[in-house]
Amino acid sequence: MSEHEKKDYDPLKIRKELLEQGKHVAQKFCTLNKLKLPNIRVVPKSEWRLKAACAYYRPTYIAICVEECATLGKAGRSWSWPGNAVDRTPYGVIQHELGHHVDHKLSTDKGSYFGDYSKNLRKLSGEEPLTGYCPNDAEWFAEIFRLFVTNSDLLRLIRPKAYAALIKVLNPVVTDPWRTVLTTAPARTREACAARVVKAEAVTKREKKESLCLFT
């Protein structure tokens, strides 16, 4: 980044823009799937009381603190990017919280922000968490769902079983090839996703081979 770019770089402005983009995509998804988008409450950092989270969902609303979300990850340990497997920017956070809303709507047995749909889907797919943030079944699902909304083709390739279950009941809004979705992302981000795809394909091949062995 040049000195001129550093001077004009405004992380908070970028986060706010990502929030608006995320809200737009979430609304498109809800409209397509005949869902009501929860009310989105933007809470300033001075009033935010949660130390371990930048957003949360409760039936009828999503609360988010934009300042606590990540900005675009271009270097170092920051990997967040819209449409990436990792995205803690406001764009991705909104879709993550929308995932809790969908989980709640599709569930029979419901809690304060989760339901049995996520639990059953995780058990059915048997697939690994998408990211390191997976304290329970609800968060496992919310991260999977986030990518279903923001880059469904990438989810199809790296978590095929979860994708196959979701596509039966929901329609994705971002259906371009995953590399197209990540055109503006850093090269390292696309390379990391490509590595994920290769790893997932190896798992699928191994499972098919093991399945065939059971019937021979």
C-alpha atoms as a PDB file:
ATOM      1  CA  MET A   1       0.000   0.000   0.000  1.00  0.00           C
ATOM      2  CA  SER A   2       1.442   3.368  -1.040  1.00  0.00           C
ATOM      3  CA  GLU A   3       1.702   6.311   1.352  1.00  0.00           C
ATOM      4  CA  HIS A   4      -1.135   8.005  -0.544  1.00  0.00           C
ATOM      5  CA  GLU A   5      -3.328   4.920  -0.161  1.00  0.00           C
ATOM      6  CA  LYS A   6      -2.494   4.683   3.535  1.00  0.00           C
ATOM      7  CA  LYS A   7      -3.523   8.305   3.993  1.00  0.00           C
ATOM      8  CA  ASP A   8      -6.919   7.707   2.381  1.00  0.00           C
ATOM      9  CA  TYR A   9      -7.463   4.329   4.055  1.00  0.00           C
ATOM     10  CA  ASP A  10     -10.438   4.489   6.405  1.00  0.00           C
ATOM     11  CA  PRO A  11     -11.172   1.075   8.009  1.00  0.00           C
ATOM     12  CA  LEU A  12     -14.446   2.228   9.586  1.00  0.00           C
ATOM     13  CA  LYS A  13     -15.733   3.610   6.295  1.00  0.00           C
ATOM     14  CA  ILE A  14     -14.891   0.307   4.595  1.00  0.00           C
ATOM     15  CA  ARG A  15     -16.713  -1.626   7.329  1.00  0.00           C
ATOM     16  CA  LYS A  16     -19.804   0.549   6.945  1.00  0.00           C
ATOM     17  CA  GLU A  17     -19.794   0.007   3.180  1.00  0.00           C
ATOM     18  CA  LEU A  18     -19.457  -3.747   3.713  1.00  0.00           C
ATOM     19  CA  LEU A  19     -22.406  -3.641   6.106  1.00  0.00           C
ATOM     20  CA  GLU A  20     -24.616  -1.998   3.484  1.00  0.00           C
ATOM     21  CA  GLN A  21     -23.511  -4.540   0.878  1.00  0.00           C
ATOM     22  CA  GLY A  22     -24.207  -7.353   3.312  1.00  0.00           C
ATOM     23  CA  LYS A  23     -27.673  -6.038   4.114  1.00  0.00           C
ATOM     24  CA  HIS A  24     -28.441  -5.829   0.395  1.00  0.00           C
ATOM     25  CA  VAL A  25     -27.410  -9.443  -0.230  1.00  0.00           C
ATOM     26  CA  ALA A  26     -29.297 -10.645   2.848  1.00  0.00           C
ATOM     27  CA  GLN A  27     -32.450  -8.902   1.650  1.00  0.00           C
ATOM     28  CA  LYS A  28     -32.100 -10.466  -1.800  1.00  0.00           C
ATOM     29  CA  PHE A  29     -31.722 -13.879  -0.214  1.00  0.00           C
ATOM     30  CA  CYS A  30     -34.770 -13.408   2.005  1.00  0.00           C
ATOM     31  CA  THR A  31     -36.890 -12.114  -0.857  1.00  0.00           C
ATOM     32  CA  LEU A  32     -35.921 -15.049  -3.070  1.00  0.00           C
ATOM     33  CA  ASN A  33     -36.678 -17.537  -0.315  1.00  0.00           C
ATOM     34  CA  LYS A  34     -39.852 -15.846   0.953  1.00  0.00           C
ATOM     35  CA  LEU A  35     -38.356 -15.003   4.331  1.00  0.00           C
ATOM     36  CA  LYS A  36     -38.623 -11.826   6.326  1.00  0.00           C
ATOM     37  CA  LEU A  37     -35.259 -10.201   6.935  1.00  0.00           C
ATOM     38  CA  PRO A  38     -34.797  -9.635  10.669  1.00  0.00           C
ATOM     39  CA  ASN A  39     -34.493  -6.046  11.797  1.00  0.00           C
ATOM     40  CA  ILE A  40     -30.806  -5.061  11.805  1.00  0.00           C
ATOM     41  CA  ARG A  41     -29.733  -2.958  14.775  1.00  0.00           C
ATOM     42  CA  VAL A  42     -26.382  -1.233  14.430  1.00  0.00           C
ATOM     43  CA  VAL A  43     -24.978  -0.664  17.908  1.00  0.00           C
ATOM     44  CA  PRO A  44     -22.118   1.833  18.430  1.00  0.00           C
ATOM     45  CA  LYS A  45     -18.990   0.535  20.120  1.00  0.00           C
ATOM     46  CA  SER A  46     -19.602   2.785  23.137  1.00  0.00           C
ATOM     47  CA  GLU A  47     -22.814   0.851  23.840  1.00  0.00           C
ATOM     48  CA  TRP A  48     -21.602  -2.634  22.899  1.00  0.00           C
ATOM     49  CA  ARG A  49     -21.387  -4.943  25.915  1.00  0.00           C
ATOM     50  CA  LEU A  50     -20.256  -8.241  24.348  1.00  0.00           C
ATOM     51  CA  LYS A  51     -16.500  -8.811  24.498  1.00  0.00           C
ATOM     52  CA  ALA A  52     -16.316 -12.057  22.534  1.00  0.00           C
ATOM     53  CA  ALA A  53     -18.646 -11.241  19.633  1.00  0.00           C
ATOM     54  CA  CYS A  54     -19.302  -8.509  17.098  1.00  0.00           C
ATOM     55  CA  ALA A  55     -22.950  -9.480  16.496  1.00  0.00           C
ATOM     56  CA  TYR A  56     -25.744 -11.690  17.751  1.00  0.00           C
ATOM     57  CA  TYR A  57     -29.162 -12.901  16.676  1.00  0.00           C
ATOM     58  CA  ARG A  58     -32.421 -13.079  18.547  1.00  0.00           C
ATOM     59  CA  PRO A  59     -35.740 -13.892  16.887  1.00  0.00           C
ATOM     60  CA  THR A  60     -36.891 -10.818  14.896  1.00  0.00           C
ATOM     61  CA  TYR A  61     -33.559  -8.945  15.016  1.00  0.00           C
ATOM     62  CA  ILE A  62     -29.813  -8.954  14.425  1.00  0.00           C
ATOM     63  CA  ALA A  63     -27.569  -6.698  16.501  1.00  0.00           C
ATOM     64  CA  ILE A  64     -24.159  -5.805  15.108  1.00  0.00           C
ATOM     65  CA  CYS A  65     -21.284  -3.577  16.190  1.00  0.00           C
ATOM     66  CA  VAL A  66     -19.529  -2.534  12.994  1.00  0.00           C
ATOM     67  CA  GLU A  67     -16.415  -1.326  14.800  1.00  0.00           C
ATOM     68  CA  GLU A  68     -15.901  -4.782  16.312  1.00  0.00           C
ATOM     69  CA  CYS A  69     -16.056  -6.541  12.934  1.00  0.00           C
ATOM     70  CA  ALA A  70     -12.999  -7.225  10.799  1.00  0.00           C
ATOM     71  CA  THR A  71     -12.004  -5.135   7.827  1.00  0.00           C
ATOM     72  CA  LEU A  72     -10.703  -6.551   4.552  1.00  0.00           C
ATOM     73  CA  GLY A  73      -7.819  -8.976   5.094  1.00  0.00           C
ATOM     74  CA  LYS A  74      -4.982  -8.284   2.698  1.00  0.00           C
ATOM     75  CA  ALA A  75      -1.955  -9.460   4.654  1.00  0.00           C
ATOM     76  CA  GLY A  76      -0.720 -11.123   7.801  1.00  0.00           C
ATOM     77  CA  ARG A  77      -3.146 -13.255   9.800  1.00  0.00           C
ATOM     78  CA  SER A  78      -6.240 -11.413   8.572  1.00  0.00           C
ATOM     79  CA  TRP A  79      -8.093 -13.452   5.952  1.00  0.00           C
ATOM     80  CA  SER A  80     -11.589 -11.978   6.004  1.00  0.00           C
ATOM     81  CA  TRP A  81     -13.001 -11.213   2.575  1.00  0.00           C
ATOM     82  CA  PRO A  82     -16.545 -11.185   1.146  1.00  0.00           C
ATOM     83  CA  GLY A  83     -17.176 -14.554  -0.449  1.00  0.00           C
ATOM     84  CA  ASN A  84     -14.153 -16.170   1.186  1.00  0.00           C
ATOM     85  CA  ALA A  85     -14.434 -19.217   3.442  1.00  0.00           C
ATOM     86  CA  VAL A  86     -13.307 -16.839   6.200  1.00  0.00           C
ATOM     87  CA  ASP A  87     -15.216 -13.578   6.538  1.00  0.00           C
ATOM     88  CA  ARG A  88     -15.644 -11.622   9.752  1.00  0.00           C
ATOM     89  CA  THR A  89     -16.313  -8.376   7.920  1.00  0.00           C
ATOM     90  CA  PRO A  90     -19.805  -6.897   8.394  1.00  0.00           C
ATOM     91  CA  TYR A  91     -20.692  -8.375   4.986  1.00  0.00           C
ATOM     92  CA  GLY A  92     -20.089 -11.912   6.197  1.00  0.00           C
ATOM     93  CA  VAL A  93     -21.254 -11.332   9.768  1.00  0.00           C
ATOM     94  CA  ILE A  94     -24.734 -10.330   8.594  1.00  0.00           C
ATOM     95  CA  GLN A  95     -25.047 -13.573   6.619  1.00  0.00           C
ATOM     96  CA  HIS A  96     -23.753 -15.569   9.597  1.00  0.00           C
ATOM     97  CA  GLU A  97     -26.433 -14.087  11.836  1.00  0.00           C
ATOM     98  CA  LEU A  98     -29.027 -14.608   9.107  1.00  0.00           C
ATOM     99  CA  GLY A  99     -27.999 -18.260   9.310  1.00  0.00           C
ATOM    100  CA  HIS A 100     -29.213 -18.369  12.913  1.00  0.00           C
ATOM    101  CA  HIS A 101     -32.498 -16.873  11.724  1.00  0.00           C
ATOM    102  CA  VAL A 102     -32.900 -19.548   9.042  1.00  0.00           C
ATOM    103  CA  ASP A 103     -31.911 -22.287  11.499  1.00  0.00           C
ATOM    104  CA  HIS A 104     -34.582 -21.007  13.878  1.00  0.00           C
ATOM    105  CA  LYS A 105     -37.213 -20.869  11.126  1.00  0.00           C
ATOM    106  CA  LEU A 106     -36.477 -24.368   9.808  1.00  0.00           C
ATOM    107  CA  SER A 107     -36.346 -25.989  13.237  1.00  0.00           C
ATOM    108  CA  THR A 108     -39.014 -27.782  15.238  1.00  0.00           C
ATOM    109  CA  ASP A 109     -37.216 -27.677  18.575  1.00  0.00           C
ATOM    110  CA  LYS A 110     -36.062 -24.076  19.057  1.00  0.00           C
ATOM    111  CA  GLY A 111     -33.849 -22.244  21.513  1.00  0.00           C
ATOM    112  CA  SER A 112     -33.132 -18.541  21.952  1.00  0.00           C
ATOM    113  CA  TYR A 113     -31.082 -18.273  18.749  1.00  0.00           C
ATOM    114  CA  PHE A 114     -30.732 -21.831  17.436  1.00  0.00           C
ATOM    115  CA  GLY A 115     -32.742 -24.942  16.634  1.00  0.00           C
ATOM    116  CA  ASP A 116     -32.547 -28.623  15.854  1.00  0.00           C
ATOM    117  CA  TYR A 117     -32.202 -28.030  12.100  1.00  0.00           C
ATOM    118  CA  SER A 118     -28.522 -27.123  12.483  1.00  0.00           C
ATOM    119  CA  LYS A 119     -27.927 -30.051  14.823  1.00  0.00           C
ATOM    120  CA  ASN A 120     -29.544 -32.504  12.424  1.00  0.00           C
ATOM    121  CA  LEU A 121     -27.757 -31.127   9.377  1.00  0.00           C
ATOM    122  CA  ARG A 122     -24.363 -31.360  11.036  1.00  0.00           C
ATOM    123  CA  LYS A 123     -25.053 -34.951  12.034  1.00  0.00           C
ATOM    124  CA  LEU A 124     -26.328 -35.784   8.543  1.00  0.00           C
ATOM    125  CA  SER A 125     -23.373 -34.291   6.692  1.00  0.00           C
ATOM    126  CA  GLY A 126     -20.664 -35.306   9.148  1.00  0.00           C
ATOM    127  CA  GLU A 127     -18.553 -32.510   7.692  1.00  0.00           C
ATOM    128  CA  GLU A 128     -15.854 -30.539   9.455  1.00  0.00           C
ATOM    129  CA  PRO A 129     -16.419 -26.930  10.582  1.00  0.00           C
ATOM    130  CA  LEU A 130     -15.842 -24.344   7.880  1.00  0.00           C
ATOM    131  CA  THR A 131     -13.709 -22.174  10.157  1.00  0.00           C
ATOM    132  CA  GLY A 132     -12.163 -22.292  13.611  1.00  0.00           C
ATOM    133  CA  TYR A 133     -15.270 -20.671  15.071  1.00  0.00           C
ATOM    134  CA  CYS A 134     -17.407 -23.667  15.982  1.00  0.00           C
ATOM    135  CA  PRO A 135     -18.346 -23.800  19.678  1.00  0.00           C
ATOM    136  CA  ASN A 136     -21.612 -25.633  18.905  1.00  0.00           C
ATOM    137  CA  ASP A 137     -23.897 -26.932  16.145  1.00  0.00           C
ATOM    138  CA  ALA A 138     -25.605 -23.559  15.692  1.00  0.00           C
ATOM    139  CA  GLU A 139     -22.315 -21.791  14.940  1.00  0.00           C
ATOM    140  CA  TRP A 140     -21.190 -24.657  12.702  1.00  0.00           C
ATOM    141  CA  PHE A 141     -24.346 -24.096  10.674  1.00  0.00           C
ATOM    142  CA  ALA A 142     -24.151 -20.295  10.663  1.00  0.00           C
ATOM    143  CA  GLU A 143     -20.657 -20.382   9.153  1.00  0.00           C
ATOM    144  CA  ILE A 144     -21.738 -22.937   6.545  1.00  0.00           C
ATOM    145  CA  PHE A 145     -24.815 -20.847   5.762  1.00  0.00           C
ATOM    146  CA  ARG A 146     -22.768 -17.658   5.432  1.00  0.00           C
ATOM    147  CA  LEU A 147     -20.822 -19.168   2.556  1.00  0.00           C
ATOM    148  CA  PHE A 148     -24.006 -20.592   1.033  1.00  0.00           C
ATOM    149  CA  VAL A 149     -25.229 -17.004   0.727  1.00  0.00           C
ATOM    150  CA  THR A 150     -21.998 -15.284  -0.293  1.00  0.00           C
ATOM    151  CA  ASN A 151     -20.296 -17.911  -2.485  1.00  0.00           C
ATOM    152  CA  SER A 152     -22.479 -20.971  -2.979  1.00  0.00           C
ATOM    153  CA  ASP A 153     -20.174 -22.511  -5.593  1.00  0.00           C
ATOM    154  CA  LEU A 154     -17.280 -22.571  -3.135  1.00  0.00           C
ATOM    155  CA  LEU A 155     -19.467 -24.191  -0.483  1.00  0.00           C
ATOM    156  CA  ARG A 156     -20.587 -26.779  -3.050  1.00  0.00           C
ATOM    157  CA  LEU A 157     -16.978 -27.785  -3.563  1.00  0.00           C
ATOM    158  CA  ILE A 158     -15.613 -27.712  -0.031  1.00  0.00           C
ATOM    159  CA  ARG A 159     -18.678 -28.852   1.967  1.00  0.00           C
ATOM    160  CA  PRO A 160     -20.669 -30.786  -0.651  1.00  0.00           C
ATOM    161  CA  LYS A 161     -22.963 -32.654   1.737  1.00  0.00           C
ATOM    162  CA  ALA A 162     -24.087 -29.556   3.613  1.00  0.00           C
ATOM    163  CA  TYR A 163     -24.557 -27.757   0.301  1.00  0.00           C
ATOM    164  CA  ALA A 164     -26.638 -30.625  -1.099  1.00  0.00           C
ATOM    165  CA  ALA A 165     -28.944 -30.504   1.932  1.00  0.00           C
ATOM    166  CA  LEU A 166     -29.325 -26.720   1.834  1.00  0.00           C
ATOM    167  CA  ILE A 167     -30.022 -26.533  -1.891  1.00  0.00           C
ATOM    168  CA  LYS A 168     -33.045 -28.779  -1.376  1.00  0.00           C
ATOM    169  CA  VAL A 169     -34.809 -26.180   0.759  1.00  0.00           C
ATOM    170  CA  LEU A 170     -33.163 -22.842  -0.094  1.00  0.00           C
ATOM    171  CA  ASN A 171     -32.166 -20.909  -3.212  1.00  0.00           C
ATOM    172  CA  PRO A 172     -28.733 -19.228  -3.311  1.00  0.00           C
ATOM    173  CA  VAL A 173     -28.407 -15.672  -4.612  1.00  0.00           C
ATOM    174  CA  VAL A 174     -24.701 -15.723  -5.509  1.00  0.00           C
ATOM    175  CA  THR A 175     -24.221 -18.528  -8.015  1.00  0.00           C
ATOM    176  CA  ASP A 176     -21.180 -17.407 -10.024  1.00  0.00           C
ATOM    177  CA  PRO A 177     -18.090 -19.648 -10.099  1.00  0.00           C
ATOM    178  CA  TRP A 178     -16.159 -19.167  -6.893  1.00  0.00           C
ATOM    179  CA  ARG A 179     -13.135 -17.664  -8.602  1.00  0.00           C
ATOM    180  CA  THR A 180     -15.393 -15.056 -10.222  1.00  0.00           C
ATOM    181  CA  VAL A 181     -16.848 -14.134  -6.844  1.00  0.00           C
ATOM    182  CA  LEU A 182     -13.317 -13.663  -5.511  1.00  0.00           C
ATOM    183  CA  THR A 183     -11.946 -11.766  -8.514  1.00  0.00           C
ATOM    184  CA  THR A 184     -11.024  -8.719  -6.420  1.00  0.00           C
ATOM    185  CA  ALA A 185      -9.671 -10.732  -3.499  1.00  0.00           C
ATOM    186  CA  PRO A 186      -5.912 -10.988  -2.882  1.00  0.00           C
ATOM    187  CA  ALA A 187      -4.154 -13.789  -4.751  1.00  0.00           C
ATOM    188  CA  ARG A 188      -3.359 -15.496  -1.450  1.00  0.00           C
ATOM    189  CA  THR A 189      -7.095 -15.705  -0.697  1.00  0.00           C
ATOM    190  CA  ARG A 190      -7.858 -17.410  -4.003  1.00  0.00           C
ATOM    191  CA  GLU A 191      -4.903 -19.754  -3.522  1.00  0.00           C
ATOM    192  CA  ALA A 192      -6.123 -20.702  -0.036  1.00  0.00           C
ATOM    193  CA  CYS A 193      -9.593 -21.459  -1.419  1.00  0.00           C
ATOM    194  CA  ALA A 194      -8.103 -23.539  -4.223  1.00  0.00           C
ATOM    195  CA  ALA A 195      -6.221 -25.553  -1.604  1.00  0.00           C
ATOM    196  CA  ARG A 196      -9.470 -26.092   0.290  1.00  0.00           C
ATOM    197  CA  VAL A 197     -11.127 -27.372  -2.880  1.00  0.00           C
ATOM    198  CA  VAL A 198      -8.297 -29.841  -3.523  1.00  0.00           C
ATOM    199  CA  LYS A 199      -8.471 -31.083   0.075  1.00  0.00           C
ATOM    200  CA  ALA A 200     -12.250 -31.522  -0.101  1.00  0.00           C
ATOM    201  CA  GLU A 201     -12.014 -33.401  -3.390  1.00  0.00           C
ATOM    202  CA  ALA A 202      -9.492 -35.780  -1.811  1.00  0.00           C
ATOM    203  CA  VAL A 203     -11.890 -36.444   1.076  1.00  0.00           C
ATOM    204  CA  THR A 204     -14.745 -37.152  -1.359  1.00  0.00           C
ATOM    205  CA  LYS A 205     -12.604 -39.575  -3.370  1.00  0.00           C
ATOM    206  CA  ARG A 206     -11.510 -41.391  -0.229  1.00  0.00           C
ATOM    207  CA  GLU A 207     -15.090 -41.705   1.010  1.00  0.00           C
ATOM    208  CA  LYS A 208     -16.245 -43.083  -2.346  1.00  0.00           C
ATOM    209  CA  LYS A 209     -13.415 -45.597  -2.330  1.00  0.00           C
ATOM    210  CA  GLU A 210     -14.253 -46.706   1.214  1.00  0.00           C
ATOM    211  CA  SER A 211     -17.917 -47.001   0.259  1.00  0.00           C
ATOM    212  CA  LEU A 212     -17.088 -49.212  -2.703  1.00  0.00           C
ATOM    213  CA  CYS A 213     -14.928 -51.447  -0.503  1.00  0.00           C
ATOM    214  CA  LEU A 214     -17.923 -52.117   1.729  1.00  0.00           C
ATOM    215  CA  PHE A 215     -19.804 -53.655  -1.182  1.00  0.00           C
ATOM    216  CA  THR A 216     -16.981 -55.722  -2.678  1.00  0.00           C
END
